[in-house]
C-alpha atoms as a PDB file:
ATOM      1  CA  UNK A   1      18.234  12.473 -14.498  1.00  0.00           C
ATOM      2  CA  UNK A   2      17.240   9.474 -12.381  1.00  0.00           C
ATOM      3  CA  UNK A   3      13.826   7.988 -11.810  1.00  0.00           C
ATOM      4  CA  UNK A   4      13.477   9.733  -8.440  1.00  0.00           C
ATOM      5  CA  UNK A   5      15.420  12.933  -9.202  1.00  0.00           C
ATOM      6  CA  UNK A   6      14.988  15.953 -11.456  1.00  0.00           C
ATOM      7  CA  UNK A   7      17.518  17.296 -13.947  1.00  0.00           C
ATOM      8  CA  UNK A   8      19.421  19.038 -11.126  1.00  0.00           C
ATOM      9  CA  UNK A   9      19.738  15.864  -9.046  1.00  0.00           C
ATOM     10  CA  UNK A  10      17.157  16.864  -6.413  1.00  0.00           C
ATOM     11  CA  UNK A  11      14.800  14.166  -5.154  1.00  0.00           C
ATOM     12  CA  UNK A  12      11.218  14.677  -6.272  1.00  0.00           C
ATOM     13  CA  UNK A  13       9.353  11.926  -4.442  1.00  0.00           C
ATOM     14  CA  UNK A  14       8.045  14.122  -1.633  1.00  0.00           C
ATOM     15  CA  UNK A  15       7.133  17.709  -2.418  1.00  0.00           C
ATOM     16  CA  UNK A  16       4.895  20.367  -0.924  1.00  0.00           C
ATOM     17  CA  UNK A  17       1.276  19.650  -1.832  1.00  0.00           C
ATOM     18  CA  UNK A  18      -0.172  21.763  -4.616  1.00  0.00           C
ATOM     19  CA  UNK A  19      -3.735  23.082  -4.954  1.00  0.00           C
ATOM     20  CA  UNK A  20      -5.270  19.998  -6.662  1.00  0.00           C
ATOM     21  CA  UNK A  21      -3.910  17.643  -3.984  1.00  0.00           C
ATOM     22  CA  UNK A  22      -5.111  19.941  -1.205  1.00  0.00           C
ATOM     23  CA  UNK A  23      -8.521  20.126  -2.891  1.00  0.00           C
ATOM     24  CA  UNK A  24      -8.659  16.340  -3.165  1.00  0.00           C
ATOM     25  CA  UNK A  25      -7.839  15.926   0.537  1.00  0.00           C
ATOM     26  CA  UNK A  26     -10.221  18.614   1.811  1.00  0.00           C
ATOM     27  CA  UNK A  27     -13.142  17.588  -0.397  1.00  0.00           C
ATOM     28  CA  UNK A  28     -12.540  13.904   0.330  1.00  0.00           C
ATOM     29  CA  UNK A  29     -12.572  14.547   4.066  1.00  0.00           C
ATOM     30  CA  UNK A  30     -15.695  16.678   3.724  1.00  0.00           C
ATOM     31  CA  UNK A  31     -17.446  13.846   1.885  1.00  0.00           C
ATOM     32  CA  UNK A  32     -17.039  11.647   4.962  1.00  0.00           C
ATOM     33  CA  UNK A  33     -18.820  14.119   7.218  1.00  0.00           C
ATOM     34  CA  UNK A  34     -21.545  15.271   4.803  1.00  0.00           C
ATOM     35  CA  UNK A  35     -24.944  14.342   6.176  1.00  0.00           C
ATOM     36  CA  UNK A  36     -26.921  14.376   2.933  1.00  0.00           C
ATOM     37  CA  UNK A  37     -26.169  11.541   0.490  1.00  0.00           C
ATOM     38  CA  UNK A  38     -26.508  13.872  -2.503  1.00  0.00           C
ATOM     39  CA  UNK A  39     -23.953  16.288  -1.045  1.00  0.00           C
ATOM     40  CA  UNK A  40     -21.674  13.389  -0.132  1.00  0.00           C
ATOM     41  CA  UNK A  41     -21.682  12.177  -3.742  1.00  0.00           C
ATOM     42  CA  UNK A  42     -21.017  15.690  -5.095  1.00  0.00           C
ATOM     43  CA  UNK A  43     -18.057  16.080  -2.754  1.00  0.00           C
ATOM     44  CA  UNK A  44     -16.688  12.680  -3.812  1.00  0.00           C
ATOM     45  CA  UNK A  45     -16.924  13.649  -7.469  1.00  0.00           C
ATOM     46  CA  UNK A  46     -15.281  17.030  -6.874  1.00  0.00           C
ATOM     47  CA  UNK A  47     -12.535  15.263  -4.944  1.00  0.00           C
ATOM     48  CA  UNK A  48     -11.989  12.837  -7.836  1.00  0.00           C
ATOM     49  CA  UNK A  49     -11.818  15.744 -10.306  1.00  0.00           C
ATOM     50  CA  UNK A  50      -9.125  17.408  -8.188  1.00  0.00           C
ATOM     51  CA  UNK A  51      -7.159  14.153  -8.137  1.00  0.00           C
ATOM     52  CA  UNK A  52      -7.525  13.805 -11.922  1.00  0.00           C
ATOM     53  CA  UNK A  53      -6.270  17.365 -12.435  1.00  0.00           C
ATOM     54  CA  UNK A  54      -3.256  16.597 -10.247  1.00  0.00           C
ATOM     55  CA  UNK A  55      -2.576  13.392 -12.194  1.00  0.00           C
ATOM     56  CA  UNK A  56      -2.757  15.137 -15.575  1.00  0.00           C
ATOM     57  CA  UNK A  57      -0.401  17.851 -14.345  1.00  0.00           C
ATOM     58  CA  UNK A  58       2.069  15.198 -13.185  1.00  0.00           C
ATOM     59  CA  UNK A  59       1.919  13.293 -16.480  1.00  0.00           C
ATOM     60  CA  UNK A  60       2.419  16.480 -18.490  1.00  0.00           C
ATOM     61  CA  UNK A  61       4.968  18.294 -16.338  1.00  0.00           C
ATOM     62  CA  UNK A  62       6.179  15.942 -13.603  1.00  0.00           C
ATOM     63  CA  UNK A  63       9.762  16.621 -12.573  1.00  0.00           C
ATOM     64  CA  UNK A  64      10.881  12.998 -12.581  1.00  0.00           C
ATOM     65  CA  UNK A  65       9.942   9.620 -13.967  1.00  0.00           C
ATOM     66  CA  UNK A  66       8.489   8.707 -10.596  1.00  0.00           C
ATOM     67  CA  UNK A  67       6.134  11.719 -10.581  1.00  0.00           C
ATOM     68  CA  UNK A  68       5.031  11.105 -14.188  1.00  0.00           C
ATOM     69  CA  UNK A  69       4.452   7.416 -13.422  1.00  0.00           C
ATOM     70  CA  UNK A  70       2.467   8.261 -10.288  1.00  0.00           C
ATOM     71  CA  UNK A  71       0.259  10.558 -12.378  1.00  0.00           C
ATOM     72  CA  UNK A  72      -0.271   7.920 -15.068  1.00  0.00           C
ATOM     73  CA  UNK A  73      -1.096   5.210 -12.520  1.00  0.00           C
ATOM     74  CA  UNK A  74      -3.524   7.514 -10.738  1.00  0.00           C
ATOM     75  CA  UNK A  75      -5.282   8.352 -14.011  1.00  0.00           C
ATOM     76  CA  UNK A  76      -5.530   4.642 -14.810  1.00  0.00           C
ATOM     77  CA  UNK A  77      -6.968   3.901 -11.379  1.00  0.00           C
ATOM     78  CA  UNK A  78      -9.515   6.724 -11.657  1.00  0.00           C
ATOM     79  CA  UNK A  79     -10.530   5.537 -15.124  1.00  0.00           C
ATOM     80  CA  UNK A  80     -11.031   1.943 -13.963  1.00  0.00           C
ATOM     81  CA  UNK A  81     -12.944   3.093 -10.898  1.00  0.00           C
ATOM     82  CA  UNK A  82     -15.253   5.289 -12.992  1.00  0.00           C
ATOM     83  CA  UNK A  83     -15.961   2.478 -15.459  1.00  0.00           C
ATOM     84  CA  UNK A  84     -16.418  -0.343 -12.948  1.00  0.00           C
END
């Protein structure tokens, strides 16, 4: 198994988006068009939660080293951003 491939030799860099990534994208886009600041902040937080769920899923069950690393780096970035 290579860094960019799974145990069957298939590349795993680009895959169909799953529900947490779709949620992150939709909620993030909605936060840009929300008129009320309170709603904008709620949408941003919900978007960040979706991204964190995706990252945890990748760390736990990513199909390649690349996917697991991407999840770990995303979790690190979210952690630093939340504690800045």
